Amino acid sequence: MMGKPKNKIRIEWSSNFAYAIGLLTTDGCLSSDKRHFDFTSKDLEQILNFMKCLGIENKIGFKISGSSKKKQARIQFGDINFYNFLLKIGLMPRKSKVLYKIKIPDRFFFDFLRGHLDGDGTFYSYWDKRWKSSFMFYLVFASASEKHIYWIREKLSKLLNIRGHITKSSKHSTYQLKYAKEESIKLFKKIYYSKVDIFLKRKYLKINRALAIVGLCL
């Protein structure tokens, strides 16, 4: 009797599975050999979360980033069936600038979005000097693909009735979808709902510290 193939990904939608798809959408790489994947992150926790969500047990490697010269954690694995599944839902090799819609069930869209946020998203806050005691904060999703970032905006408009605004960074050639105070709070409640236990802790804590200033918490 043959053993179970190593690294075989179970293709079944769940909170964790959708989160992993969000991470792959931002920081993952599909090889042109139609079989292998590479997922790299500066956060070891991110790699561990990714492996847990997909049931991967490969050895974690490390590489030096060409631009920052910093060590980054890396996981590589192969699975033809999973590769074909990702192609069907909208991912592809060399996806950065051509990415568009990802076929995510609405039920798990905010889990996907949490992975997207942990991958390429950011959060920042500041005291606005123009008004006394005015504390501002923004939740930001980023992509090199204009079509992809507009797709996220359209989905959130339908699901949460929020609009946000899109800017382009000429320095990094990326599009940024930004949600300010009230709209971002609506998003936080959906992304970090009560039963969630998989997320990048440093980002979660950063958001919570800012919310505490205005008397809120996740």
Protein backbone atom coordinates (compact mmCIF):
# COMPACT_ATOMS: atom_id res chain seq x y z
CA MET A 1 0.00 0.00 0.00
CA MET A 2 1.42 3.33 -1.05
CA GLY A 3 1.82 6.09 1.53
CA LYS A 4 0.13 9.45 1.28
CA PRO A 5 2.06 11.79 -1.05
CA LYS A 6 4.04 14.38 0.83
CA ASN A 7 2.91 18.00 0.83
CA LYS A 8 -0.46 17.19 -0.71
CA ILE A 9 -2.65 20.21 -0.01
CA ARG A 10 -6.25 19.52 0.99
CA ILE A 11 -8.35 21.74 -1.26
CA GLU A 12 -11.33 22.71 0.87
CA TRP A 13 -12.52 26.22 1.68
CA SER A 14 -12.21 27.21 5.33
CA SER A 15 -11.09 30.24 7.31
CA ASN A 16 -7.48 29.03 7.40
CA PHE A 17 -7.44 27.95 3.76
CA ALA A 18 -8.75 31.34 2.60
CA TYR A 19 -6.17 33.11 4.79
CA ALA A 20 -3.39 31.09 3.13
CA ILE A 21 -4.73 32.05 -0.32
CA GLY A 22 -4.51 35.70 0.75
CA LEU A 23 -0.87 35.21 1.71
CA LEU A 24 -0.10 33.45 -1.58
CA THR A 25 -1.81 36.25 -3.50
CA THR A 26 0.55 38.83 -2.01
CA ASP A 27 3.81 37.06 -1.14
CA GLY A 28 3.60 33.74 -2.93
CA CYS A 29 5.26 32.74 -6.19
CA LEU A 30 4.02 30.12 -8.63
CA SER A 31 6.86 28.52 -10.57
CA SER A 32 6.66 28.33 -14.35
CA ASP A 33 7.09 24.53 -14.10
CA LYS A 34 3.35 24.28 -13.23
CA ARG A 35 4.04 22.42 -10.02
CA HIS A 36 6.10 24.28 -7.41
CA PHE A 37 5.52 27.21 -5.07
CA ASP A 38 7.70 29.59 -3.11
CA PHE A 39 6.51 31.59 -0.12
CA THR A 40 8.95 34.03 1.46
CA SER A 41 8.52 36.44 4.37
CA LYS A 42 10.63 38.51 6.74
CA ASP A 43 8.37 37.22 9.54
CA LEU A 44 8.99 33.64 10.61
CA GLU A 45 5.54 33.69 12.22
CA GLN A 46 4.08 34.35 8.78
CA ILE A 47 5.74 31.24 7.39
CA LEU A 48 4.54 29.14 10.33
CA ASN A 49 0.97 30.42 9.93
CA PHE A 50 1.07 29.64 6.21
CA MET A 51 2.33 26.10 6.84
CA LYS A 52 -0.28 25.48 9.54
CA CYS A 53 -3.14 26.65 7.33
CA LEU A 54 -2.15 24.35 4.45
CA GLY A 55 -0.81 21.43 6.49
CA ILE A 56 2.72 21.75 5.07
CA GLU A 57 5.59 20.09 6.93
CA ASN A 58 8.56 21.01 4.71
CA LYS A 59 11.77 22.33 6.20
CA ILE A 60 11.93 26.12 6.45
CA GLY A 61 14.85 27.66 4.59
CA PHE A 62 16.33 31.15 4.62
CA LYS A 63 17.62 33.50 1.95
CA ILE A 64 19.17 36.96 1.83
CA SER A 65 17.01 39.68 0.30
CA GLY A 66 18.74 41.34 -2.65
CA SER A 67 17.63 44.86 -1.77
CA SER A 68 17.68 44.94 2.03
CA LYS A 69 20.36 42.26 2.56
CA LYS A 70 18.23 40.93 5.41
CA LYS A 71 17.58 37.25 6.07
CA GLN A 72 14.09 36.08 5.09
CA ALA A 73 12.32 32.83 5.91
CA ARG A 74 11.24 30.71 2.96
CA ILE A 75 9.16 27.61 2.28
CA GLN A 76 9.12 25.72 -1.04
CA PHE A 77 6.86 22.84 -2.00
CA GLY A 78 5.21 21.17 -4.96
CA ASP A 79 1.65 20.05 -5.66
CA ILE A 80 0.23 19.81 -9.20
CA ASN A 81 -3.42 19.64 -8.11
CA PHE A 82 -3.10 22.67 -5.85
CA TYR A 83 -1.24 24.54 -8.59
CA ASN A 84 -4.08 23.89 -11.06
CA PHE A 85 -6.63 24.95 -8.45
CA LEU A 86 -4.83 28.28 -7.96
CA LEU A 87 -4.84 28.88 -11.72
CA LYS A 88 -8.61 28.32 -11.77
CA ILE A 89 -9.29 30.88 -9.02
CA GLY A 90 -7.16 33.60 -10.63
CA LEU A 91 -3.52 33.21 -9.57
CA MET A 92 -0.68 32.65 -12.03
CA PRO A 93 3.12 32.86 -12.43
CA ARG A 94 4.58 36.39 -12.65
CA LYS A 95 1.29 37.71 -11.29
CA SER A 96 2.34 41.01 -9.71
CA LYS A 97 1.12 43.43 -12.38
CA VAL A 98 -1.54 41.31 -14.10
CA LEU A 99 -3.47 39.99 -11.09
CA TYR A 100 -7.21 40.65 -11.20
CA LYS A 101 -10.09 38.85 -9.46
CA ILE A 102 -9.57 35.95 -7.08
CA LYS A 103 -12.52 33.55 -6.84
CA ILE A 104 -13.12 33.50 -3.09
CA PRO A 105 -16.49 32.47 -1.61
CA ASP A 106 -18.03 35.54 0.06
CA ARG A 107 -18.25 33.56 3.30
CA PHE A 108 -14.45 33.46 3.49
CA PHE A 109 -13.59 36.74 1.79
CA PHE A 110 -12.55 38.51 5.00
CA ASP A 111 -10.26 35.61 5.93
CA PHE A 112 -8.66 35.98 2.51
CA LEU A 113 -8.41 39.73 3.10
CA ARG A 114 -6.70 39.18 6.47
CA GLY A 115 -4.05 37.15 4.68
CA HIS A 116 -3.77 39.88 2.04
CA LEU A 117 -3.33 42.48 4.78
CA ASP A 118 -0.69 40.41 6.59
CA GLY A 119 1.14 39.97 3.30
CA ASP A 120 1.29 43.36 1.56
CA GLY A 121 -1.03 45.53 3.64
CA THR A 122 -0.17 48.05 6.30
CA PHE A 123 -1.66 50.18 9.04
CA TYR A 124 -0.54 53.59 10.23
CA SER A 125 -1.77 56.24 12.63
CA TYR A 126 -0.85 59.78 13.64
CA TRP A 127 -2.04 62.88 15.48
CA ASP A 128 -3.32 65.39 12.95
CA LYS A 129 -1.85 68.80 13.84
CA ARG A 130 -4.56 70.62 11.89
CA TRP A 131 -7.16 69.84 14.54
CA LYS A 132 -6.74 69.64 18.29
CA SER A 133 -6.83 66.10 19.69
CA SER A 134 -7.50 64.59 16.25
CA PHE A 135 -6.10 61.06 15.98
CA MET A 136 -6.14 59.53 12.49
CA PHE A 137 -5.52 55.99 11.31
CA TYR A 138 -5.64 54.14 7.99
CA LEU A 139 -5.87 50.54 6.93
CA VAL A 140 -4.12 49.99 3.59
CA PHE A 141 -4.12 47.21 0.99
CA ALA A 142 -1.42 47.28 -1.68
CA SER A 143 -0.77 45.69 -5.06
CA ALA A 144 1.29 46.34 -8.19
CA SER A 145 -1.86 45.50 -10.16
CA GLU A 146 -4.37 48.30 -10.62
CA LYS A 147 -7.12 45.87 -11.64
CA HIS A 148 -6.63 43.78 -8.51
CA ILE A 149 -6.78 46.72 -6.11
CA TYR A 150 -9.96 48.03 -7.79
CA TRP A 151 -11.48 44.54 -7.50
CA ILE A 152 -10.89 44.54 -3.73
CA ARG A 153 -12.48 47.97 -3.50
CA GLU A 154 -15.52 46.79 -5.47
CA LYS A 155 -15.93 43.70 -3.26
CA LEU A 156 -15.77 45.74 -0.06
CA SER A 157 -18.21 48.26 -1.46
CA LYS A 158 -20.74 45.46 -2.03
CA LEU A 159 -20.10 43.56 1.21
CA LEU A 160 -19.64 46.45 3.66
CA ASN A 161 -20.81 49.56 1.83
CA ILE A 162 -17.43 51.27 2.25
CA ARG A 163 -15.53 53.07 -0.51
CA GLY A 164 -12.03 53.96 0.59
CA HIS A 165 -9.74 55.75 -1.84
CA ILE A 166 -6.95 54.61 -4.16
CA THR A 167 -3.55 56.22 -4.60
CA LYS A 168 -0.48 55.24 -6.60
CA SER A 169 3.05 55.27 -5.24
CA SER A 170 5.43 56.40 -7.96
CA LYS A 171 8.41 55.31 -5.86
CA HIS A 172 7.34 51.67 -5.56
CA SER A 173 4.93 51.48 -8.55
CA THR A 174 2.15 50.13 -6.37
CA TYR A 175 -1.51 50.98 -5.93
CA GLN A 176 -2.81 51.51 -2.41
CA LEU A 177 -6.41 51.14 -1.29
CA LYS A 178 -6.86 53.15 1.91
CA TYR A 179 -9.67 53.13 4.46
CA ALA A 180 -9.77 55.88 7.05
CA LYS A 181 -11.12 55.88 10.57
CA GLU A 182 -14.82 54.91 10.46
CA GLU A 183 -14.53 52.67 7.42
CA SER A 184 -11.43 50.96 8.77
CA ILE A 185 -13.23 50.14 12.03
CA LYS A 186 -15.94 48.35 10.03
CA LEU A 187 -13.20 46.39 8.31
CA PHE A 188 -11.36 45.53 11.52
CA LYS A 189 -14.49 43.94 12.97
CA LYS A 190 -14.87 41.70 9.90
CA ILE A 191 -11.20 40.81 9.47
CA TYR A 192 -10.54 40.08 13.15
CA TYR A 193 -13.85 38.52 14.12
CA SER A 194 -14.16 36.77 17.49
CA LYS A 195 -13.13 33.23 16.52
CA VAL A 196 -10.05 34.18 14.49
CA ASP A 197 -6.76 32.77 15.77
CA ILE A 198 -4.50 32.95 12.69
CA PHE A 199 -2.97 36.35 11.95
CA LEU A 200 0.34 38.19 12.11
CA LYS A 201 0.58 39.22 15.75
CA ARG A 202 2.81 42.27 15.33
CA LYS A 203 0.32 43.84 12.90
CA TYR A 204 -2.64 42.94 15.09
CA LEU A 205 -1.00 44.48 18.17
CA LYS A 206 -0.10 47.63 16.25
CA ILE A 207 -3.74 48.09 15.25
CA ASN A 208 -4.98 47.41 18.78
CA ARG A 209 -2.60 49.96 20.30
CA ALA A 210 -3.93 52.63 17.94
CA LEU A 211 -7.57 51.71 18.58
CA ALA A 212 -6.99 51.90 22.33
CA ILE A 213 -6.21 55.60 21.95
CA VAL A 214 -9.79 56.17 20.78
CA GLY A 215 -11.24 53.78 23.35
CA LEU A 216 -11.69 50.74 21.10
CA CYS A 217 -10.19 47.26 20.89
CA LEU A 218 -10.41 44.24 18.62
